[in-house]
Amino acid sequence: MDKKEINIFLKSFELQYSRTLVIIDFANVEKWKDNLGWKIGIQELARLVKNFTKGDKKLRRFYYGSDYGPNDKSDYMNDWSYNILERAKSNGFEVITKRVKYIHSTLSLNGFIKKCDLDVEMTVDILSMKDAFDQILIFSGDGDITYALQYLKNSFNKKIYVFGARNSIGREIIDALNQGIICKVIYIEDFQYRLNMDRFRYK
């Protein structure tokens, strides 16, 4: 999409602000930087999202883990994890989180693998909120959620849009697009001028 096409796309949501749900799987979004070569800023992301939905912040949902480190008894969240969650809150997102698990592994250099899968939480929220929205935008290239999206489309005829990086989109997402379950896959590379948190730094 070029800038003109993007502006037309954004404008198409003007009469639907109160009936559009946005889901941000930020752990997935963070991983896109490896393919993009730039980082998506939370503030920039919030500004973009407000082109789709305004008002009730429950329609702007941000999913990310709370990392307290490998000590199960720790009450102190890592600074970087805390800062991400607080930035999301201060930028108008409804934050959904749970504690990151540290699983012992001999295959990892530091002896642990971190795990915090919020797919179940996202799925439950989407289905429980089905009467509150007519269209949904999901920032995630993870194909695991497509089964829920298929149910959402077939049972309730919701419009579904997926944002993802070109080399980070699951095969299931593309299959769902080809089957008409997903209306459109939007490539995040086209939004660099809006989302790159470093876009002014080197000017």
N, C-alpha and C. Protein backbone atom coordinates (compact mmCIF):
# COMPACT_ATOMS: atom_id res chain seq x y z
N MET A 1 0.84 -1.19 0.00
CA MET A 1 0.00 0.00 0.00
C MET A 1 0.88 1.25 0.00
N ASP A 2 0.57 2.21 -0.86
CA ASP A 2 1.27 3.49 -0.80
C ASP A 2 0.50 4.41 0.16
N LYS A 3 1.02 5.63 0.37
CA LYS A 3 0.42 6.52 1.36
C LYS A 3 -1.02 6.89 1.00
N LYS A 4 -1.30 7.05 -0.29
CA LYS A 4 -2.66 7.37 -0.71
C LYS A 4 -3.61 6.24 -0.37
N GLU A 5 -3.20 5.01 -0.66
CA GLU A 5 -4.03 3.84 -0.36
C GLU A 5 -4.23 3.69 1.14
N ILE A 6 -3.17 3.98 1.91
CA ILE A 6 -3.27 3.90 3.36
C ILE A 6 -4.28 4.91 3.89
N ASN A 7 -4.23 6.13 3.39
CA ASN A 7 -5.16 7.15 3.85
C ASN A 7 -6.61 6.78 3.53
N ILE A 8 -6.83 6.19 2.37
CA ILE A 8 -8.18 5.73 2.01
C ILE A 8 -8.63 4.61 2.95
N PHE A 9 -7.70 3.70 3.24
CA PHE A 9 -7.99 2.58 4.15
C PHE A 9 -8.35 3.10 5.54
N LEU A 10 -7.57 4.05 6.06
CA LEU A 10 -7.84 4.61 7.38
C LEU A 10 -9.17 5.34 7.41
N LYS A 11 -9.44 6.09 6.35
CA LYS A 11 -10.68 6.88 6.28
C LYS A 11 -11.92 5.99 6.28
N SER A 12 -11.77 4.76 5.79
CA SER A 12 -12.91 3.86 5.71
C SER A 12 -13.43 3.44 7.08
N PHE A 13 -12.67 3.71 8.13
CA PHE A 13 -13.08 3.33 9.48
C PHE A 13 -13.75 4.47 10.25
N GLU A 14 -13.85 5.64 9.64
CA GLU A 14 -14.33 6.82 10.36
C GLU A 14 -15.72 6.65 10.95
N LEU A 15 -16.59 5.93 10.29
CA LEU A 15 -17.94 5.74 10.79
C LEU A 15 -18.08 4.47 11.62
N GLN A 16 -16.93 3.81 11.90
CA GLN A 16 -16.97 2.53 12.60
C GLN A 16 -16.10 2.51 13.85
N TYR A 17 -15.70 3.69 14.33
CA TYR A 17 -14.78 3.76 15.48
C TYR A 17 -15.29 2.96 16.68
N SER A 18 -16.59 3.04 16.96
CA SER A 18 -17.13 2.41 18.16
C SER A 18 -17.44 0.93 17.97
N ARG A 19 -17.23 0.43 16.73
CA ARG A 19 -17.55 -0.97 16.44
C ARG A 19 -16.36 -1.73 15.87
N THR A 20 -15.15 -1.25 16.21
CA THR A 20 -13.93 -1.90 15.73
C THR A 20 -13.07 -2.30 16.92
N LEU A 21 -12.67 -3.57 16.94
CA LEU A 21 -11.81 -4.09 17.99
C LEU A 21 -10.39 -4.25 17.44
N VAL A 22 -9.39 -3.80 18.21
CA VAL A 22 -7.99 -3.94 17.81
C VAL A 22 -7.27 -4.80 18.85
N ILE A 23 -6.59 -5.83 18.37
CA ILE A 23 -5.82 -6.75 19.22
C ILE A 23 -4.34 -6.59 18.89
N ILE A 24 -3.53 -6.27 19.90
CA ILE A 24 -2.09 -6.15 19.72
C ILE A 24 -1.39 -7.29 20.46
N ASP A 25 -0.82 -8.21 19.73
CA ASP A 25 0.02 -9.27 20.32
C ASP A 25 1.45 -8.74 20.30
N PHE A 26 1.82 -7.99 21.35
CA PHE A 26 3.05 -7.20 21.25
C PHE A 26 4.31 -8.06 21.28
N ALA A 27 4.28 -9.21 21.91
CA ALA A 27 5.44 -10.10 21.86
C ALA A 27 5.73 -10.51 20.42
N ASN A 28 4.68 -10.73 19.66
CA ASN A 28 4.83 -11.06 18.24
C ASN A 28 5.30 -9.85 17.46
N VAL A 29 4.71 -8.69 17.74
CA VAL A 29 5.10 -7.45 17.05
C VAL A 29 6.57 -7.14 17.29
N GLU A 30 7.04 -7.33 18.51
CA GLU A 30 8.45 -7.06 18.84
C GLU A 30 9.41 -7.86 17.95
N LYS A 31 9.03 -9.08 17.63
CA LYS A 31 9.91 -9.95 16.84
C LYS A 31 10.06 -9.48 15.41
N TRP A 32 9.14 -8.64 14.94
CA TRP A 32 9.20 -8.18 13.55
C TRP A 32 10.44 -7.35 13.27
N LYS A 33 11.04 -6.75 14.32
CA LYS A 33 12.19 -5.86 14.11
C LYS A 33 13.34 -6.58 13.41
N ASP A 34 13.46 -7.89 13.60
CA ASP A 34 14.53 -8.65 12.98
C ASP A 34 14.40 -8.66 11.46
N ASN A 35 13.16 -8.70 10.96
CA ASN A 35 12.92 -8.65 9.52
C ASN A 35 12.82 -7.23 8.99
N LEU A 36 12.27 -6.33 9.82
CA LEU A 36 12.05 -4.96 9.38
C LEU A 36 13.33 -4.14 9.36
N GLY A 37 14.21 -4.37 10.35
CA GLY A 37 15.40 -3.53 10.50
C GLY A 37 15.09 -2.24 11.26
N TRP A 38 13.89 -2.12 11.83
CA TRP A 38 13.50 -0.97 12.65
C TRP A 38 12.47 -1.43 13.67
N LYS A 39 12.33 -0.62 14.73
CA LYS A 39 11.44 -0.98 15.83
C LYS A 39 10.13 -0.19 15.76
N ILE A 40 9.05 -0.86 16.13
CA ILE A 40 7.74 -0.23 16.20
C ILE A 40 7.57 0.38 17.59
N GLY A 41 7.35 1.68 17.64
CA GLY A 41 7.16 2.36 18.91
C GLY A 41 5.73 2.21 19.41
N ILE A 42 5.57 2.08 20.73
CA ILE A 42 4.24 1.92 21.32
C ILE A 42 3.41 3.18 21.12
N GLN A 43 4.02 4.34 21.29
CA GLN A 43 3.29 5.59 21.09
C GLN A 43 2.84 5.73 19.64
N GLU A 44 3.74 5.38 18.71
CA GLU A 44 3.40 5.45 17.28
C GLU A 44 2.30 4.45 16.94
N LEU A 45 2.38 3.27 17.54
CA LEU A 45 1.36 2.25 17.33
C LEU A 45 0.00 2.72 17.84
N ALA A 46 -0.01 3.36 19.00
CA ALA A 46 -1.26 3.88 19.57
C ALA A 46 -1.89 4.94 18.66
N ARG A 47 -1.04 5.79 18.09
CA ARG A 47 -1.56 6.83 17.18
C ARG A 47 -2.20 6.21 15.95
N LEU A 48 -1.57 5.16 15.42
CA LEU A 48 -2.15 4.49 14.27
C LEU A 48 -3.46 3.82 14.63
N VAL A 49 -3.48 3.13 15.77
CA VAL A 49 -4.67 2.39 16.19
C VAL A 49 -5.87 3.31 16.37
N LYS A 50 -5.64 4.54 16.80
CA LYS A 50 -6.75 5.48 17.02
C LYS A 50 -7.38 5.94 15.71
N ASN A 51 -6.81 5.57 14.58
CA ASN A 51 -7.46 5.78 13.30
C ASN A 51 -8.54 4.73 13.05
N PHE A 52 -8.52 3.65 13.84
CA PHE A 52 -9.48 2.57 13.66
C PHE A 52 -10.56 2.55 14.73
N THR A 53 -10.19 2.89 15.95
CA THR A 53 -11.14 2.81 17.05
C THR A 53 -10.84 3.89 18.08
N LYS A 54 -11.90 4.52 18.56
CA LYS A 54 -11.77 5.56 19.57
C LYS A 54 -12.80 5.32 20.66
N GLY A 55 -12.68 6.07 21.76
CA GLY A 55 -13.64 5.91 22.84
C GLY A 55 -13.20 4.84 23.81
N ASP A 56 -14.05 3.85 24.01
CA ASP A 56 -13.81 2.80 25.00
C ASP A 56 -12.47 2.10 24.75
N LYS A 57 -11.55 2.21 25.71
CA LYS A 57 -10.22 1.62 25.50
C LYS A 57 -10.24 0.09 25.53
N LYS A 58 -11.34 -0.50 25.96
CA LYS A 58 -11.43 -1.96 25.93
C LYS A 58 -11.39 -2.49 24.50
N LEU A 59 -11.66 -1.59 23.54
CA LEU A 59 -11.58 -1.98 22.12
C LEU A 59 -10.15 -1.90 21.59
N ARG A 60 -9.22 -1.38 22.39
CA ARG A 60 -7.80 -1.31 22.01
C ARG A 60 -7.02 -2.14 23.01
N ARG A 61 -6.77 -3.41 22.70
CA ARG A 61 -6.27 -4.37 23.66
C ARG A 61 -4.82 -4.76 23.36
N PHE A 62 -4.00 -4.70 24.40
CA PHE A 62 -2.54 -4.87 24.29
C PHE A 62 -2.14 -6.05 25.17
N TYR A 63 -1.62 -7.11 24.53
CA TYR A 63 -1.27 -8.35 25.24
C TYR A 63 0.26 -8.49 25.32
N TYR A 64 0.74 -8.61 26.57
CA TYR A 64 2.20 -8.73 26.75
C TYR A 64 2.48 -9.30 28.14
N GLY A 65 3.53 -10.10 28.25
CA GLY A 65 3.87 -10.76 29.50
C GLY A 65 4.53 -9.85 30.53
N SER A 66 4.33 -10.20 31.80
CA SER A 66 5.00 -9.52 32.91
C SER A 66 6.18 -10.39 33.35
N ASP A 67 7.39 -9.87 33.16
CA ASP A 67 8.60 -10.66 33.41
C ASP A 67 9.19 -10.31 34.78
N TYR A 68 9.12 -11.27 35.71
CA TYR A 68 9.67 -11.10 37.06
C TYR A 68 10.99 -11.84 37.23
N GLY A 69 11.55 -12.37 36.14
CA GLY A 69 12.80 -13.11 36.23
C GLY A 69 12.57 -14.57 36.59
N PRO A 70 13.66 -15.34 36.68
CA PRO A 70 13.55 -16.79 36.89
C PRO A 70 13.13 -17.21 38.30
N ASN A 71 13.21 -16.29 39.27
CA ASN A 71 12.82 -16.62 40.64
C ASN A 71 11.30 -16.55 40.77
N ASP A 72 10.66 -17.70 40.98
CA ASP A 72 9.19 -17.76 41.04
C ASP A 72 8.61 -16.91 42.17
N LYS A 73 9.41 -16.63 43.17
CA LYS A 73 8.92 -15.87 44.33
C LYS A 73 9.19 -14.37 44.22
N SER A 74 9.80 -13.96 43.12
CA SER A 74 10.13 -12.55 42.96
C SER A 74 8.87 -11.71 42.81
N ASP A 75 8.86 -10.56 43.49
CA ASP A 75 7.77 -9.59 43.37
C ASP A 75 8.19 -8.37 42.56
N TYR A 76 9.40 -8.43 41.99
CA TYR A 76 9.94 -7.27 41.28
C TYR A 76 9.96 -7.54 39.78
N MET A 77 9.16 -6.79 39.05
CA MET A 77 9.12 -6.95 37.60
C MET A 77 10.34 -6.30 36.96
N ASN A 78 10.90 -6.97 35.95
CA ASN A 78 12.03 -6.38 35.23
C ASN A 78 11.65 -5.01 34.67
N ASP A 79 12.62 -4.08 34.72
CA ASP A 79 12.34 -2.70 34.32
C ASP A 79 11.78 -2.60 32.90
N TRP A 80 12.41 -3.34 31.97
CA TRP A 80 11.99 -3.22 30.57
C TRP A 80 10.58 -3.74 30.37
N SER A 81 10.20 -4.79 31.10
CA SER A 81 8.85 -5.33 31.01
C SER A 81 7.85 -4.34 31.61
N TYR A 82 8.18 -3.80 32.76
CA TYR A 82 7.33 -2.81 33.42
C TYR A 82 7.13 -1.58 32.54
N ASN A 83 8.22 -1.12 31.93
CA ASN A 83 8.15 0.09 31.10
C ASN A 83 7.25 -0.11 29.88
N ILE A 84 7.33 -1.28 29.26
CA ILE A 84 6.47 -1.56 28.11
C ILE A 84 5.00 -1.54 28.51
N LEU A 85 4.67 -2.20 29.61
CA LEU A 85 3.28 -2.25 30.05
C LEU A 85 2.76 -0.87 30.45
N GLU A 86 3.61 -0.09 31.12
CA GLU A 86 3.19 1.25 31.52
C GLU A 86 3.03 2.18 30.32
N ARG A 87 3.91 2.05 29.33
CA ARG A 87 3.78 2.88 28.12
C ARG A 87 2.49 2.54 27.39
N ALA A 88 2.16 1.26 27.35
CA ALA A 88 0.91 0.84 26.70
C ALA A 88 -0.29 1.44 27.43
N LYS A 89 -0.29 1.39 28.75
CA LYS A 89 -1.39 1.96 29.53
C LYS A 89 -1.51 3.46 29.31
N SER A 90 -0.37 4.15 29.34
CA SER A 90 -0.40 5.61 29.22
C SER A 90 -0.79 6.07 27.81
N ASN A 91 -0.71 5.15 26.84
CA ASN A 91 -1.09 5.48 25.47
C ASN A 91 -2.49 4.97 25.11
N GLY A 92 -3.27 4.68 26.13
CA GLY A 92 -4.68 4.40 25.89
C GLY A 92 -5.05 2.97 25.57
N PHE A 93 -4.16 2.02 25.85
CA PHE A 93 -4.47 0.61 25.61
C PHE A 93 -5.02 -0.04 26.88
N GLU A 94 -5.92 -0.98 26.71
CA GLU A 94 -6.30 -1.89 27.78
C GLU A 94 -5.26 -3.00 27.79
N VAL A 95 -4.51 -3.13 28.89
CA VAL A 95 -3.40 -4.06 28.95
C VAL A 95 -3.84 -5.37 29.59
N ILE A 96 -3.53 -6.47 28.90
CA ILE A 96 -3.80 -7.81 29.41
C ILE A 96 -2.46 -8.52 29.51
N THR A 97 -2.15 -9.00 30.71
CA THR A 97 -0.84 -9.58 30.94
C THR A 97 -0.92 -10.77 31.89
N LYS A 98 0.12 -11.55 31.92
CA LYS A 98 0.29 -12.59 32.93
C LYS A 98 1.79 -12.84 33.09
N ARG A 99 2.13 -13.53 34.13
CA ARG A 99 3.53 -13.72 34.48
C ARG A 99 4.25 -14.61 33.47
N VAL A 100 5.44 -14.18 33.08
CA VAL A 100 6.29 -14.98 32.19
C VAL A 100 6.84 -16.17 32.96
N LYS A 101 6.79 -17.35 32.35
CA LYS A 101 7.34 -18.55 32.97
C LYS A 101 8.78 -18.76 32.50
N TYR A 102 9.63 -19.17 33.43
CA TYR A 102 11.00 -19.55 33.11
C TYR A 102 11.09 -21.07 33.24
N ILE A 103 11.33 -21.73 32.13
CA ILE A 103 11.37 -23.19 32.10
C ILE A 103 12.82 -23.64 31.93
N HIS A 104 13.26 -24.52 32.85
CA HIS A 104 14.64 -25.01 32.78
C HIS A 104 14.87 -25.76 31.47
N SER A 105 16.03 -25.48 30.85
CA SER A 105 16.37 -26.14 29.58
C SER A 105 17.89 -26.23 29.43
N THR A 106 18.36 -27.40 29.13
CA THR A 106 19.79 -27.59 28.90
C THR A 106 20.20 -27.10 27.51
N LEU A 107 19.23 -26.79 26.68
CA LEU A 107 19.51 -26.32 25.32
C LEU A 107 19.76 -24.82 25.26
N SER A 108 19.40 -24.11 26.34
CA SER A 108 19.57 -22.67 26.39
C SER A 108 20.87 -22.30 27.08
N LEU A 109 21.54 -21.27 26.60
CA LEU A 109 22.83 -20.84 27.16
C LEU A 109 22.69 -20.41 28.62
N ASN A 110 21.57 -19.77 28.96
CA ASN A 110 21.40 -19.32 30.34
C ASN A 110 20.61 -20.31 31.20
N GLY A 111 20.28 -21.47 30.62
CA GLY A 111 19.63 -22.52 31.39
C GLY A 111 18.11 -22.41 31.46
N PHE A 112 17.53 -21.39 30.81
CA PHE A 112 16.09 -21.20 30.87
C PHE A 112 15.54 -20.88 29.48
N ILE A 113 14.29 -21.26 29.27
CA ILE A 113 13.50 -20.80 28.13
C ILE A 113 12.32 -20.02 28.69
N LYS A 114 12.09 -18.82 28.16
CA LYS A 114 10.97 -18.00 28.64
C LYS A 114 9.73 -18.30 27.81
N LYS A 115 8.59 -18.39 28.52
CA LYS A 115 7.34 -18.71 27.83
C LYS A 115 6.21 -17.86 28.43
N CYS A 116 5.45 -17.23 27.55
CA CYS A 116 4.26 -16.49 27.98
C CYS A 116 3.31 -16.38 26.79
N ASP A 117 2.52 -17.40 26.61
CA ASP A 117 1.60 -17.47 25.48
C ASP A 117 0.24 -16.91 25.90
N LEU A 118 -0.20 -15.86 25.24
CA LEU A 118 -1.47 -15.22 25.57
C LEU A 118 -2.55 -15.50 24.53
N ASP A 119 -2.35 -16.53 23.70
CA ASP A 119 -3.33 -16.86 22.66
C ASP A 119 -4.70 -17.20 23.24
N VAL A 120 -4.71 -17.93 24.35
CA VAL A 120 -5.99 -18.31 24.97
C VAL A 120 -6.73 -17.07 25.46
N GLU A 121 -5.99 -16.16 26.11
CA GLU A 121 -6.60 -14.92 26.60
C GLU A 121 -7.17 -14.10 25.44
N MET A 122 -6.41 -14.01 24.36
CA MET A 122 -6.89 -13.27 23.19
C MET A 122 -8.15 -13.91 22.61
N THR A 123 -8.14 -15.23 22.49
CA THR A 123 -9.28 -15.94 21.92
C THR A 123 -10.53 -15.76 22.78
N VAL A 124 -10.39 -15.92 24.08
CA VAL A 124 -11.53 -15.77 24.99
C VAL A 124 -12.08 -14.35 24.92
N ASP A 125 -11.20 -13.37 24.92
CA ASP A 125 -11.65 -11.97 24.86
C ASP A 125 -12.38 -11.67 23.56
N ILE A 126 -11.81 -12.13 22.45
CA ILE A 126 -12.43 -11.88 21.15
C ILE A 126 -13.84 -12.46 21.09
N LEU A 127 -13.98 -13.69 21.54
CA LEU A 127 -15.29 -14.35 21.45
C LEU A 127 -16.28 -13.79 22.47
N SER A 128 -15.80 -13.44 23.66
CA SER A 128 -16.70 -12.90 24.68
C SER A 128 -17.16 -11.48 24.33
N MET A 129 -16.38 -10.78 23.49
CA MET A 129 -16.71 -9.40 23.10
C MET A 129 -17.39 -9.32 21.73
N LYS A 130 -17.78 -10.44 21.19
CA LYS A 130 -18.27 -10.50 19.80
C LYS A 130 -19.42 -9.54 19.53
N ASP A 131 -20.23 -9.24 20.53
CA ASP A 131 -21.37 -8.34 20.32
C ASP A 131 -20.96 -6.87 20.34
N ALA A 132 -19.70 -6.60 20.70
CA ALA A 132 -19.24 -5.21 20.84
C ALA A 132 -18.55 -4.69 19.58
N PHE A 133 -18.35 -5.54 18.58
CA PHE A 133 -17.64 -5.09 17.38
C PHE A 133 -18.17 -5.77 16.12
N ASP A 134 -17.95 -5.09 14.99
CA ASP A 134 -18.31 -5.63 13.68
C ASP A 134 -17.08 -6.01 12.88
N GLN A 135 -15.95 -5.37 13.18
CA GLN A 135 -14.70 -5.70 12.51
C GLN A 135 -13.57 -5.73 13.54
N ILE A 136 -12.57 -6.52 13.23
CA ILE A 136 -11.46 -6.70 14.14
C ILE A 136 -10.15 -6.59 13.37
N LEU A 137 -9.18 -5.89 13.96
CA LEU A 137 -7.84 -5.79 13.39
C LEU A 137 -6.87 -6.44 14.37
N ILE A 138 -6.06 -7.35 13.87
CA ILE A 138 -5.14 -8.09 14.73
C ILE A 138 -3.71 -7.83 14.28
N PHE A 139 -2.89 -7.33 15.20
CA PHE A 139 -1.47 -7.13 14.94
C PHE A 139 -0.74 -8.36 15.43
N SER A 140 -0.56 -9.33 14.56
CA SER A 140 0.14 -10.57 14.88
C SER A 140 0.22 -11.42 13.62
N GLY A 141 1.38 -12.01 13.39
CA GLY A 141 1.51 -12.91 12.25
C GLY A 141 1.35 -14.36 12.64
N ASP A 142 0.99 -14.61 13.90
CA ASP A 142 0.89 -15.97 14.43
C ASP A 142 -0.36 -16.66 13.88
N GLY A 143 -0.17 -17.80 13.27
CA GLY A 143 -1.28 -18.52 12.67
C GLY A 143 -2.13 -19.30 13.65
N ASP A 144 -1.70 -19.38 14.93
CA ASP A 144 -2.43 -20.20 15.90
C ASP A 144 -3.85 -19.70 16.16
N ILE A 145 -4.08 -18.42 15.92
CA ILE A 145 -5.38 -17.84 16.25
C ILE A 145 -6.40 -17.98 15.10
N THR A 146 -5.97 -18.53 13.97
CA THR A 146 -6.86 -18.56 12.80
C THR A 146 -8.09 -19.45 13.01
N TYR A 147 -7.99 -20.46 13.86
CA TYR A 147 -9.17 -21.32 14.11
C TYR A 147 -10.28 -20.50 14.74
N ALA A 148 -9.90 -19.63 15.70
CA ALA A 148 -10.90 -18.75 16.33
C ALA A 148 -11.45 -17.74 15.33
N LEU A 149 -10.58 -17.25 14.44
CA LEU A 149 -11.02 -16.29 13.44
C LEU A 149 -12.01 -16.92 12.46
N GLN A 150 -11.76 -18.18 12.12
CA GLN A 150 -12.69 -18.88 11.23
C GLN A 150 -14.07 -18.99 11.87
N TYR A 151 -14.10 -19.30 13.17
CA TYR A 151 -15.38 -19.38 13.88
C TYR A 151 -16.06 -18.01 13.92
N LEU A 152 -15.26 -16.97 14.16
CA LEU A 152 -15.78 -15.60 14.22
C LEU A 152 -16.41 -15.19 12.89
N LYS A 153 -15.76 -15.56 11.80
CA LYS A 153 -16.26 -15.22 10.47
C LYS A 153 -17.49 -16.05 10.11
N ASN A 154 -17.39 -17.35 10.28
CA ASN A 154 -18.47 -18.23 9.85
C ASN A 154 -19.74 -18.10 10.70
N SER A 155 -19.57 -17.85 11.98
CA SER A 155 -20.72 -17.82 12.89
C SER A 155 -21.32 -16.43 13.04
N PHE A 156 -20.48 -15.38 12.91
CA PHE A 156 -20.96 -14.03 13.19
C PHE A 156 -20.67 -13.03 12.08
N ASN A 157 -20.05 -13.52 11.00
CA ASN A 157 -19.77 -12.70 9.82
C ASN A 157 -19.02 -11.40 10.13
N LYS A 158 -18.03 -11.50 11.00
CA LYS A 158 -17.21 -10.34 11.32
C LYS A 158 -16.17 -10.10 10.22
N LYS A 159 -15.82 -8.84 10.01
CA LYS A 159 -14.74 -8.50 9.09
C LYS A 159 -13.41 -8.58 9.85
N ILE A 160 -12.45 -9.25 9.26
CA ILE A 160 -11.18 -9.52 9.95
C ILE A 160 -10.02 -9.02 9.11
N TYR A 161 -9.16 -8.22 9.74
CA TYR A 161 -7.95 -7.70 9.10
C TYR A 161 -6.76 -8.11 9.95
N VAL A 162 -5.67 -8.48 9.29
CA VAL A 162 -4.46 -8.87 10.01
C VAL A 162 -3.29 -8.02 9.55
N PHE A 163 -2.58 -7.44 10.52
CA PHE A 163 -1.33 -6.71 10.26
C PHE A 163 -0.16 -7.62 10.58
N GLY A 164 0.83 -7.66 9.68
CA GLY A 164 2.01 -8.46 9.95
C GLY A 164 3.17 -8.06 9.06
N ALA A 165 4.38 -8.46 9.44
CA ALA A 165 5.56 -8.25 8.61
C ALA A 165 5.59 -9.32 7.53
N ARG A 166 6.07 -8.97 6.36
CA ARG A 166 5.98 -9.87 5.20
C ARG A 166 6.62 -11.23 5.44
N ASN A 167 7.73 -11.28 6.14
CA ASN A 167 8.42 -12.55 6.35
C ASN A 167 8.13 -13.16 7.71
N SER A 168 7.06 -12.65 8.37
CA SER A 168 6.72 -13.15 9.71
C SER A 168 5.25 -13.52 9.82
N ILE A 169 4.64 -13.86 8.71
CA ILE A 169 3.23 -14.22 8.71
C ILE A 169 3.08 -15.73 8.51
N GLY A 170 2.34 -16.36 9.42
CA GLY A 170 2.16 -17.80 9.35
C GLY A 170 1.39 -18.23 8.10
N ARG A 171 1.69 -19.43 7.66
CA ARG A 171 1.01 -19.98 6.48
C ARG A 171 -0.49 -20.03 6.69
N GLU A 172 -0.92 -20.25 7.94
CA GLU A 172 -2.35 -20.33 8.24
C GLU A 172 -3.06 -19.00 7.97
N ILE A 173 -2.35 -17.90 8.18
CA ILE A 173 -2.93 -16.59 7.91
C ILE A 173 -3.20 -16.42 6.42
N ILE A 174 -2.22 -16.79 5.62
CA ILE A 174 -2.38 -16.69 4.15
C ILE A 174 -3.48 -17.61 3.66
N ASP A 175 -3.54 -18.82 4.22
CA ASP A 175 -4.61 -19.74 3.84
C ASP A 175 -5.98 -19.17 4.18
N ALA A 176 -6.09 -18.54 5.38
CA ALA A 176 -7.36 -17.95 5.80
C ALA A 176 -7.74 -16.78 4.90
N LEU A 177 -6.74 -16.04 4.42
CA LEU A 177 -6.99 -14.95 3.47
C LEU A 177 -7.54 -15.52 2.16
N ASN A 178 -6.91 -16.56 1.66
CA ASN A 178 -7.33 -17.17 0.39
C ASN A 178 -8.72 -17.81 0.50
N GLN A 179 -9.10 -18.22 1.70
CA GLN A 179 -10.41 -18.84 1.91
C GLN A 179 -11.51 -17.82 2.19
N GLY A 180 -11.13 -16.54 2.26
CA GLY A 180 -12.11 -15.49 2.51
C GLY A 180 -12.45 -15.28 3.97
N ILE A 181 -11.74 -15.93 4.86
CA ILE A 181 -11.97 -15.75 6.30
C ILE A 181 -11.44 -14.39 6.73
N ILE A 182 -10.24 -14.05 6.26
CA ILE A 182 -9.62 -12.75 6.52
C ILE A 182 -9.87 -11.85 5.32
N CYS A 183 -10.35 -10.63 5.58
CA CYS A 183 -10.62 -9.68 4.48
C CYS A 183 -9.35 -9.22 3.81
N LYS A 184 -8.34 -8.92 4.63
CA LYS A 184 -7.12 -8.32 4.08
C LYS A 184 -5.96 -8.54 5.04
N VAL A 185 -4.80 -8.83 4.48
CA VAL A 185 -3.55 -8.83 5.23
C VAL A 185 -2.82 -7.54 4.90
N ILE A 186 -2.48 -6.77 5.92
CA ILE A 186 -1.83 -5.48 5.73
C ILE A 186 -0.39 -5.61 6.17
N TYR A 187 0.53 -5.24 5.29
CA TYR A 187 1.96 -5.40 5.60
C TYR A 187 2.50 -4.17 6.32
N ILE A 188 3.09 -4.43 7.47
CA ILE A 188 3.53 -3.36 8.36
C ILE A 188 4.65 -2.52 7.75
N GLU A 189 5.40 -3.10 6.81
CA GLU A 189 6.46 -2.34 6.15
C GLU A 189 5.93 -1.07 5.50
N ASP A 190 4.70 -1.12 5.02
CA ASP A 190 4.10 0.03 4.34
C ASP A 190 3.80 1.18 5.31
N PHE A 191 3.85 0.89 6.60
CA PHE A 191 3.52 1.89 7.63
C PHE A 191 4.77 2.38 8.37
N GLN A 192 5.95 2.16 7.79
CA GLN A 192 7.17 2.58 8.48
C GLN A 192 7.16 4.08 8.78
N TYR A 193 6.65 4.88 7.86
CA TYR A 193 6.64 6.33 8.06
C TYR A 193 5.77 6.74 9.24
N ARG A 194 4.89 5.84 9.70
CA ARG A 194 4.04 6.11 10.85
C ARG A 194 4.53 5.40 12.12
N LEU A 195 5.18 4.26 11.99
CA LEU A 195 5.45 3.40 13.13
C LEU A 195 6.90 3.33 13.59
N ASN A 196 7.84 3.69 12.74
CA ASN A 196 9.25 3.58 13.10
C ASN A 196 9.58 4.57 14.22
N MET A 197 9.91 4.04 15.41
CA MET A 197 10.15 4.90 16.56
C MET A 197 11.42 5.74 16.41
N ASP A 198 12.30 5.39 15.47
CA ASP A 198 13.55 6.13 15.26
C ASP A 198 13.49 7.04 14.05
N ARG A 199 12.30 7.27 13.51
CA ARG A 199 12.22 7.95 12.20
C ARG A 199 12.74 9.37 12.24
N PHE A 200 12.75 10.02 13.39
CA PHE A 200 13.27 11.40 13.47
C PHE A 200 14.68 11.47 14.03
N ARG A 201 15.16 10.35 14.56
CA ARG A 201 16.39 10.39 15.34
C ARG A 201 17.60 10.78 14.53
N TYR A 202 17.64 10.34 13.27
CA TYR A 202 18.85 10.56 12.46
C TYR A 202 18.70 11.70 11.48
N LYS A 203 17.65 12.50 11.62
CA LYS A 203 17.46 13.64 10.71
C LYS A 203 18.25 14.84 11.18
